[in-house]
């Protein structure tokens, strides 16, 4: 494989890895938000 093809497919692989990482980060942040909201509701009561 020539260098240009390596860069092209390497870029595609890097973008795919970034997309997977973004999905994982979004799921983890959503879970942390739910856990924090639950803890704050326990301490300070439900939002009116």
PDB file of N, CA and C in Angstrom:
ATOM      1  N   UNK A   1       0.856  -1.178   0.000  1.00  0.00           N
ATOM      2  CA  UNK A   1       0.000   0.000   0.000  1.00  0.00           C
ATOM      3  C   UNK A   1       0.896   1.233   0.000  1.00  0.00           C
ATOM      4  N   UNK A   2       0.541   2.191  -0.786  1.00  0.00           N
ATOM      5  CA  UNK A   2       1.337   3.411  -0.851  1.00  0.00           C
ATOM      6  C   UNK A   2       1.018   4.305   0.342  1.00  0.00           C
ATOM      7  N   UNK A   3       1.854   5.310   0.524  1.00  0.00           N
ATOM      8  CA  UNK A   3       1.742   6.187   1.686  1.00  0.00           C
ATOM      9  C   UNK A   3       0.424   6.945   1.707  1.00  0.00           C
ATOM     10  N   UNK A   4      -0.050   7.398   0.543  1.00  0.00           N
ATOM     11  CA  UNK A   4      -1.311   8.144   0.480  1.00  0.00           C
ATOM     12  C   UNK A   4      -2.496   7.299   0.908  1.00  0.00           C
ATOM     13  N   UNK A   5      -2.498   6.042   0.481  1.00  0.00           N
ATOM     14  CA  UNK A   5      -3.577   5.144   0.894  1.00  0.00           C
ATOM     15  C   UNK A   5      -3.537   4.860   2.372  1.00  0.00           C
ATOM     16  N   UNK A   6      -2.331   4.747   2.904  1.00  0.00           N
ATOM     17  CA  UNK A   6      -2.181   4.522   4.338  1.00  0.00           C
ATOM     18  C   UNK A   6      -2.732   5.707   5.126  1.00  0.00           C
ATOM     19  N   UNK A   7      -2.439   6.915   4.677  1.00  0.00           N
ATOM     20  CA  UNK A   7      -2.977   8.098   5.344  1.00  0.00           C
ATOM     21  C   UNK A   7      -4.501   8.154   5.237  1.00  0.00           C
ATOM     22  N   UNK A   8      -5.024   7.822   4.066  1.00  0.00           N
ATOM     23  CA  UNK A   8      -6.465   7.866   3.851  1.00  0.00           C
ATOM     24  C   UNK A   8      -7.188   6.898   4.775  1.00  0.00           C
ATOM     25  N   UNK A   9      -6.785   5.633   4.760  1.00  0.00           N
ATOM     26  CA  UNK A   9      -7.460   4.639   5.591  1.00  0.00           C
ATOM     27  C   UNK A   9      -7.134   4.812   7.073  1.00  0.00           C
ATOM     28  N   UNK A  10      -5.962   5.323   7.373  1.00  0.00           N
ATOM     29  CA  UNK A  10      -5.637   5.648   8.764  1.00  0.00           C
ATOM     30  C   UNK A  10      -6.529   6.758   9.299  1.00  0.00           C
ATOM     31  N   UNK A  11      -6.829   7.739   8.440  1.00  0.00           N
ATOM     32  CA  UNK A  11      -7.735   8.825   8.837  1.00  0.00           C
ATOM     33  C   UNK A  11      -9.140   8.329   9.073  1.00  0.00           C
ATOM     34  N   UNK A  12      -9.578   7.410   8.204  1.00  0.00           N
ATOM     35  CA  UNK A  12     -10.909   6.828   8.397  1.00  0.00           C
ATOM     36  C   UNK A  12     -10.965   6.064   9.715  1.00  0.00           C
ATOM     37  N   UNK A  13      -9.932   5.306  10.009  1.00  0.00           N
ATOM     38  CA  UNK A  13      -9.887   4.544  11.266  1.00  0.00           C
ATOM     39  C   UNK A  13      -9.870   5.485  12.472  1.00  0.00           C
ATOM     40  N   UNK A  14      -9.135   6.579  12.371  1.00  0.00           N
ATOM     41  CA  UNK A  14      -9.077   7.539  13.479  1.00  0.00           C
ATOM     42  C   UNK A  14     -10.442   8.195  13.705  1.00  0.00           C
ATOM     43  N   UNK A  15     -11.138   8.528  12.627  1.00  0.00           N
ATOM     44  CA  UNK A  15     -12.472   9.129  12.764  1.00  0.00           C
ATOM     45  C   UNK A  15     -13.475   8.133  13.353  1.00  0.00           C
ATOM     46  N   UNK A  16     -13.363   6.874  12.969  1.00  0.00           N
ATOM     47  CA  UNK A  16     -14.241   5.854  13.536  1.00  0.00           C
ATOM     48  C   UNK A  16     -13.978   5.698  15.040  1.00  0.00           C
ATOM     49  N   UNK A  17     -12.705   5.708  15.422  1.00  0.00           N
ATOM     50  CA  UNK A  17     -12.356   5.604  16.844  1.00  0.00           C
ATOM     51  C   UNK A  17     -12.872   6.820  17.608  1.00  0.00           C
ATOM     52  N   UNK A  18     -12.779   8.002  17.012  1.00  0.00           N
ATOM     53  CA  UNK A  18     -13.281   9.213  17.668  1.00  0.00           C
ATOM     54  C   UNK A  18     -14.797   9.147  17.834  1.00  0.00           C
ATOM     55  N   UNK A  19     -15.501   8.619  16.831  1.00  0.00           N
ATOM     56  CA  UNK A  19     -16.956   8.506  16.928  1.00  0.00           C
ATOM     57  C   UNK A  19     -17.350   7.537  18.039  1.00  0.00           C
ATOM     58  N   UNK A  20     -16.662   6.416  18.135  1.00  0.00           N
ATOM     59  CA  UNK A  20     -16.940   5.448  19.201  1.00  0.00           C
ATOM     60  C   UNK A  20     -16.642   6.076  20.558  1.00  0.00           C
ATOM     61  N   UNK A  21     -15.547   6.800  20.654  1.00  0.00           N
ATOM     62  CA  UNK A  21     -15.213   7.473  21.905  1.00  0.00           C
ATOM     63  C   UNK A  21     -16.250   8.508  22.301  1.00  0.00           C
ATOM     64  N   UNK A  22     -16.799   9.210  21.323  1.00  0.00           N
ATOM     65  CA  UNK A  22     -17.831  10.211  21.614  1.00  0.00           C
ATOM     66  C   UNK A  22     -19.100   9.551  22.144  1.00  0.00           C
ATOM     67  N   UNK A  23     -19.467   8.413  21.586  1.00  0.00           N
ATOM     68  CA  UNK A  23     -20.656   7.698  22.059  1.00  0.00           C
ATOM     69  C   UNK A  23     -20.434   7.203  23.487  1.00  0.00           C
ATOM     70  N   UNK A  24     -19.264   6.656  23.753  1.00  0.00           N
ATOM     71  CA  UNK A  24     -18.956   6.175  25.105  1.00  0.00           C
ATOM     72  C   UNK A  24     -18.980   7.333  26.100  1.00  0.00           C
ATOM     73  N   UNK A  25     -18.388   8.459  25.732  1.00  0.00           N
ATOM     74  CA  UNK A  25     -18.384   9.624  26.619  1.00  0.00           C
ATOM     75  C   UNK A  25     -19.801  10.122  26.873  1.00  0.00           C
ATOM     76  N   UNK A  26     -20.640  10.148  25.844  1.00  0.00           N
ATOM     77  CA  UNK A  26     -22.012  10.610  26.010  1.00  0.00           C
ATOM     78  C   UNK A  26     -22.783   9.699  26.962  1.00  0.00           C
ATOM     79  N   UNK A  27     -22.587   8.397  26.845  1.00  0.00           N
ATOM     80  CA  UNK A  27     -23.273   7.454  27.734  1.00  0.00           C
ATOM     81  C   UNK A  27     -22.795   7.632  29.169  1.00  0.00           C
ATOM     82  N   UNK A  28     -21.491   7.761  29.368  1.00  0.00           N
ATOM     83  CA  UNK A  28     -20.957   7.932  30.723  1.00  0.00           C
ATOM     84  C   UNK A  28     -21.432   9.242  31.348  1.00  0.00           C
ATOM     85  N   UNK A  29     -21.454  10.319  30.567  1.00  0.00           N
ATOM     86  CA  UNK A  29     -21.925  11.596  31.108  1.00  0.00           C
ATOM     87  C   UNK A  29     -23.414  11.550  31.436  1.00  0.00           C
ATOM     88  N   UNK A  30     -24.188  10.857  30.624  1.00  0.00           N
ATOM     89  CA  UNK A  30     -25.623  10.722  30.905  1.00  0.00           C
ATOM     90  C   UNK A  30     -25.839   9.955  32.209  1.00  0.00           C
ATOM     91  N   UNK A  31     -25.073   8.897  32.414  1.00  0.00           N
ATOM     92  CA  UNK A  31     -25.196   8.112  33.648  1.00  0.00           C
ATOM     93  C   UNK A  31     -24.783   8.955  34.853  1.00  0.00           C
ATOM     94  N   UNK A  32     -23.721   9.738  34.722  1.00  0.00           N
ATOM     95  CA  UNK A  32     -23.270  10.585  35.824  1.00  0.00           C
ATOM     96  C   UNK A  32     -24.315  11.653  36.146  1.00  0.00           C
ATOM     97  N   UNK A  33     -24.961  12.181  35.119  1.00  0.00           N
ATOM     98  CA  UNK A  33     -26.006  13.193  35.325  1.00  0.00           C
ATOM     99  C   UNK A  33     -27.178  12.611  36.103  1.00  0.00           C
ATOM    100  N   UNK A  34     -27.604  11.406  35.728  1.00  0.00           N
ATOM    101  CA  UNK A  34     -28.716  10.776  36.440  1.00  0.00           C
ATOM    102  C   UNK A  34     -28.353  10.516  37.896  1.00  0.00           C
ATOM    103  N   UNK A  35     -27.115  10.027  38.144  1.00  0.00           N
ATOM    104  CA  UNK A  35     -26.676   9.737  39.504  1.00  0.00           C
ATOM    105  C   UNK A  35     -26.612  11.018  40.338  1.00  0.00           C
ATOM    106  N   UNK A  36     -26.090  12.103  39.752  1.00  0.00           N
ATOM    107  CA  UNK A  36     -25.993  13.375  40.466  1.00  0.00           C
ATOM    108  C   UNK A  36     -27.376  13.940  40.757  1.00  0.00           C
ATOM    109  N   UNK A  37     -28.287  13.879  39.787  1.00  0.00           N
ATOM    110  CA  UNK A  37     -29.646  14.384  39.987  1.00  0.00           C
ATOM    111  C   UNK A  37     -30.338  13.626  41.114  1.00  0.00           C
ATOM    112  N   UNK A  38     -30.151  12.303  41.147  1.00  0.00           N
ATOM    113  CA  UNK A  38     -30.751  11.498  42.206  1.00  0.00           C
ATOM    114  C   UNK A  38     -30.192  11.903  43.570  1.00  0.00           C
ATOM    115  N   UNK A  39     -28.879  12.092  43.645  1.00  0.00           N
ATOM    116  CA  UNK A  39     -28.249  12.464  44.915  1.00  0.00           C
ATOM    117  C   UNK A  39     -28.715  13.846  45.365  1.00  0.00           C
ATOM    118  N   UNK A  40     -28.815  14.793  44.439  1.00  0.00           N
ATOM    119  CA  UNK A  40     -29.267  16.136  44.810  1.00  0.00           C
ATOM    120  C   UNK A  40     -30.733  16.132  45.219  1.00  0.00           C
ATOM    121  N   UNK A  41     -31.552  15.327  44.569  1.00  0.00           N
ATOM    122  CA  UNK A  41     -32.956  15.223  44.971  1.00  0.00           C
ATOM    123  C   UNK A  41     -33.077  14.638  46.381  1.00  0.00           C
ATOM    124  N   UNK A  42     -32.216  13.703  46.724  1.00  0.00           N
ATOM    125  CA  UNK A  42     -32.241  13.129  48.093  1.00  0.00           C
ATOM    126  C   UNK A  42     -31.874  14.174  49.113  1.00  0.00           C
ATOM    127  N   UNK A  43     -30.848  14.989  48.820  1.00  0.00           N
ATOM    128  CA  UNK A  43     -30.369  15.954  49.804  1.00  0.00           C
ATOM    129  C   UNK A  43     -31.250  17.190  49.893  1.00  0.00           C
ATOM    130  N   UNK A  44     -31.712  17.717  48.765  1.00  0.00           N
ATOM    131  CA  UNK A  44     -32.391  18.999  48.764  1.00  0.00           C
ATOM    132  C   UNK A  44     -33.862  18.924  48.373  1.00  0.00           C
ATOM    133  N   UNK A  45     -34.356  17.769  48.040  1.00  0.00           N
ATOM    134  CA  UNK A  45     -35.751  17.629  47.665  1.00  0.00           C
ATOM    135  C   UNK A  45     -35.947  17.763  46.168  1.00  0.00           C
ATOM    136  N   UNK A  46     -37.126  17.380  45.734  1.00  0.00           N
ATOM    137  CA  UNK A  46     -37.464  17.418  44.314  1.00  0.00           C
ATOM    138  C   UNK A  46     -37.595  18.858  43.841  1.00  0.00           C
ATOM    139  N   UNK A  47     -37.344  19.059  42.556  1.00  0.00           N
ATOM    140  CA  UNK A  47     -37.520  20.382  41.963  1.00  0.00           C
ATOM    141  C   UNK A  47     -39.003  20.674  41.792  1.00  0.00           C
ATOM    142  N   UNK A  48     -39.410  21.903  42.102  1.00  0.00           N
ATOM    143  CA  UNK A  48     -40.839  22.252  42.017  1.00  0.00           C
ATOM    144  C   UNK A  48     -41.203  22.706  40.634  1.00  0.00           C
TER     145      UNK A  48
END
